[in-house]
C-alpha cells in the first residue's frame, strides 16, 4: 500500500508538472 501511495504522489507531481508546462510562465514567477 505504501508503494501505491508513493505512486499516487508521483503521479500527482507529474500532473502538476504537466499543468505548469501548459500554464504560461507569467503564472509562476521563476
PDB file of N, CA and C in Angstrom:
ATOM      1  N   UNK A   1       0.854  -1.214   0.000  1.00  0.00           N
ATOM      2  CA  UNK A   1       0.000   0.000   0.000  1.00  0.00           C
ATOM      3  C   UNK A   1       0.881   1.252   0.000  1.00  0.00           C
ATOM      4  N   UNK A   2       2.002   1.157   0.676  1.00  0.00           N
ATOM      5  CA  UNK A   2       2.905   2.325   0.721  1.00  0.00           C
ATOM      6  C   UNK A   2       3.370   2.674  -0.693  1.00  0.00           C
ATOM      7  N   UNK A   3       3.659   1.625  -1.466  1.00  0.00           N
ATOM      8  CA  UNK A   3       4.121   1.871  -2.837  1.00  0.00           C
ATOM      9  C   UNK A   3       3.024   2.570  -3.632  1.00  0.00           C
ATOM     10  N   UNK A   4       1.792   2.154  -3.414  1.00  0.00           N
ATOM     11  CA  UNK A   4       0.668   2.776  -4.136  1.00  0.00           C
ATOM     12  C   UNK A   4       0.597   4.251  -3.777  1.00  0.00           C
ATOM     13  N   UNK A   5       0.733   4.544  -2.502  1.00  0.00           N
ATOM     14  CA  UNK A   5       0.671   5.951  -2.062  1.00  0.00           C
ATOM     15  C   UNK A   5       1.781   6.746  -2.756  1.00  0.00           C
ATOM     16  N   UNK A   6       2.965   6.153  -2.792  1.00  0.00           N
ATOM     17  CA  UNK A   6       4.099   6.861  -3.429  1.00  0.00           C
ATOM     18  C   UNK A   6       3.796   7.057  -4.914  1.00  0.00           C
ATOM     19  N   UNK A   7       3.282   6.014  -5.534  1.00  0.00           N
ATOM     20  CA  UNK A   7       2.956   6.115  -6.970  1.00  0.00           C
ATOM     21  C   UNK A   7       1.959   7.243  -7.190  1.00  0.00           C
ATOM     22  N   UNK A   8       0.969   7.313  -6.322  1.00  0.00           N
ATOM     23  CA  UNK A   8      -0.048   8.360  -6.474  1.00  0.00           C
ATOM     24  C   UNK A   8       0.595   9.732  -6.312  1.00  0.00           C
ATOM     25  N   UNK A   9       1.488   9.833  -5.344  1.00  0.00           N
ATOM     26  CA  UNK A   9       2.154  11.133  -5.122  1.00  0.00           C
ATOM     27  C   UNK A   9       2.962  11.509  -6.369  1.00  0.00           C
ATOM     28  N   UNK A  10       3.679  10.536  -6.914  1.00  0.00           N
ATOM     29  CA  UNK A  10       4.491  10.802  -8.111  1.00  0.00           C
ATOM     30  C   UNK A  10       3.590  11.221  -9.258  1.00  0.00           C
ATOM     31  N   UNK A  11       2.467  10.511  -9.379  1.00  0.00           N
ATOM     32  CA  UNK A  11       1.546  10.816 -10.486  1.00  0.00           C
ATOM     33  C   UNK A  11       1.022  12.237 -10.310  1.00  0.00           C
ATOM     34  N   UNK A  12       0.707  12.594  -9.094  1.00  0.00           N
ATOM     35  CA  UNK A  12       0.173  13.951  -8.846  1.00  0.00           C
ATOM     36  C   UNK A  12       1.253  14.973  -9.194  1.00  0.00           C
ATOM     37  N   UNK A  13       2.465  14.672  -8.829  1.00  0.00           N
ATOM     38  CA  UNK A  13       3.564  15.621  -9.103  1.00  0.00           C
ATOM     39  C   UNK A  13       3.747  15.756 -10.623  1.00  0.00           C
ATOM     40  N   UNK A  14       3.689  14.633 -11.313  1.00  0.00           N
ATOM     41  CA  UNK A  14       3.841  14.664 -12.778  1.00  0.00           C
ATOM     42  C   UNK A  14       2.705  15.478 -13.385  1.00  0.00           C
ATOM     43  N   UNK A  15       1.503  15.259 -12.867  1.00  0.00           N
ATOM     44  CA  UNK A  15       0.350  16.001 -13.396  1.00  0.00           C
ATOM     45  C   UNK A  15       0.550  17.494 -13.156  1.00  0.00           C
ATOM     46  N   UNK A  16       1.039  17.831 -11.974  1.00  0.00           N
ATOM     47  CA  UNK A  16       1.271  19.250 -11.650  1.00  0.00           C
ATOM     48  C   UNK A  16       2.317  19.824 -12.609  1.00  0.00           C
ATOM     49  N   UNK A  17       3.351  19.045 -12.881  1.00  0.00           N
ATOM     50  CA  UNK A  17       4.405  19.497 -13.808  1.00  0.00           C
ATOM     51  C   UNK A  17       3.793  19.755 -15.184  1.00  0.00           C
ATOM     52  N   UNK A  18       2.962  18.819 -15.613  1.00  0.00           N
ATOM     53  CA  UNK A  18       2.311  18.983 -16.927  1.00  0.00           C
ATOM     54  C   UNK A  18       1.486  20.261 -16.931  1.00  0.00           C
ATOM     55  N   UNK A  19       0.771  20.495 -15.849  1.00  0.00           N
ATOM     56  CA  UNK A  19      -0.069  21.697 -15.768  1.00  0.00           C
ATOM     57  C   UNK A  19       0.819  22.937 -15.828  1.00  0.00           C
ATOM     58  N   UNK A  20       1.945  22.885 -15.135  1.00  0.00           N
ATOM     59  CA  UNK A  20       2.869  24.031 -15.145  1.00  0.00           C
ATOM     60  C   UNK A  20       3.344  24.294 -16.570  1.00  0.00           C
ATOM     61  N   UNK A  21       3.624  23.213 -17.288  1.00  0.00           N
ATOM     62  CA  UNK A  21       4.099  23.359 -18.672  1.00  0.00           C
ATOM     63  C   UNK A  21       3.012  23.995 -19.530  1.00  0.00           C
ATOM     64  N   UNK A  22       1.761  23.577 -19.280  1.00  0.00           N
ATOM     65  CA  UNK A  22       0.644  24.122 -20.067  1.00  0.00           C
ATOM     66  C   UNK A  22       0.378  25.571 -19.671  1.00  0.00           C
ATOM     67  N   UNK A  23       0.545  25.849 -18.393  1.00  0.00           N
ATOM     68  CA  UNK A  23       0.288  27.214 -17.907  1.00  0.00           C
ATOM     69  C   UNK A  23       1.371  28.166 -18.424  1.00  0.00           C
ATOM     70  N   UNK A  24       1.046  29.431 -18.544  1.00  0.00           N
ATOM     71  CA  UNK A  24       2.017  30.430 -19.007  1.00  0.00           C
ATOM     72  C   UNK A  24       3.078  30.690 -17.940  1.00  0.00           C
ATOM     73  N   UNK A  25       4.270  31.120 -18.349  1.00  0.00           N
ATOM     74  CA  UNK A  25       5.364  31.385 -17.402  1.00  0.00           C
ATOM     75  C   UNK A  25       5.008  32.515 -16.447  1.00  0.00           C
ATOM     76  N   UNK A  26       4.098  33.381 -16.883  1.00  0.00           N
ATOM     77  CA  UNK A  26       3.693  34.504 -16.021  1.00  0.00           C
ATOM     78  C   UNK A  26       2.977  33.997 -14.773  1.00  0.00           C
ATOM     79  N   UNK A  27       2.326  32.844 -14.894  1.00  0.00           N
ATOM     80  CA  UNK A  27       1.567  32.305 -13.763  1.00  0.00           C
ATOM     81  C   UNK A  27       2.517  31.923 -12.626  1.00  0.00           C
ATOM     82  N   UNK A  28       3.747  31.509 -12.997  1.00  0.00           N
ATOM     83  CA  UNK A  28       4.695  31.097 -11.946  1.00  0.00           C
ATOM     84  C   UNK A  28       5.994  31.879 -12.104  1.00  0.00           C
ATOM     85  N   UNK A  29       6.248  32.808 -11.221  1.00  0.00           N
ATOM     86  CA  UNK A  29       7.498  33.591 -11.285  1.00  0.00           C
ATOM     87  C   UNK A  29       8.691  32.744 -10.880  1.00  0.00           C
ATOM     88  N   UNK A  30       9.565  32.446 -11.825  1.00  0.00           N
ATOM     89  CA  UNK A  30      10.724  31.609 -11.504  1.00  0.00           C
ATOM     90  C   UNK A  30      12.012  32.399 -11.624  1.00  0.00           C
TER      91      UNK A  30
END
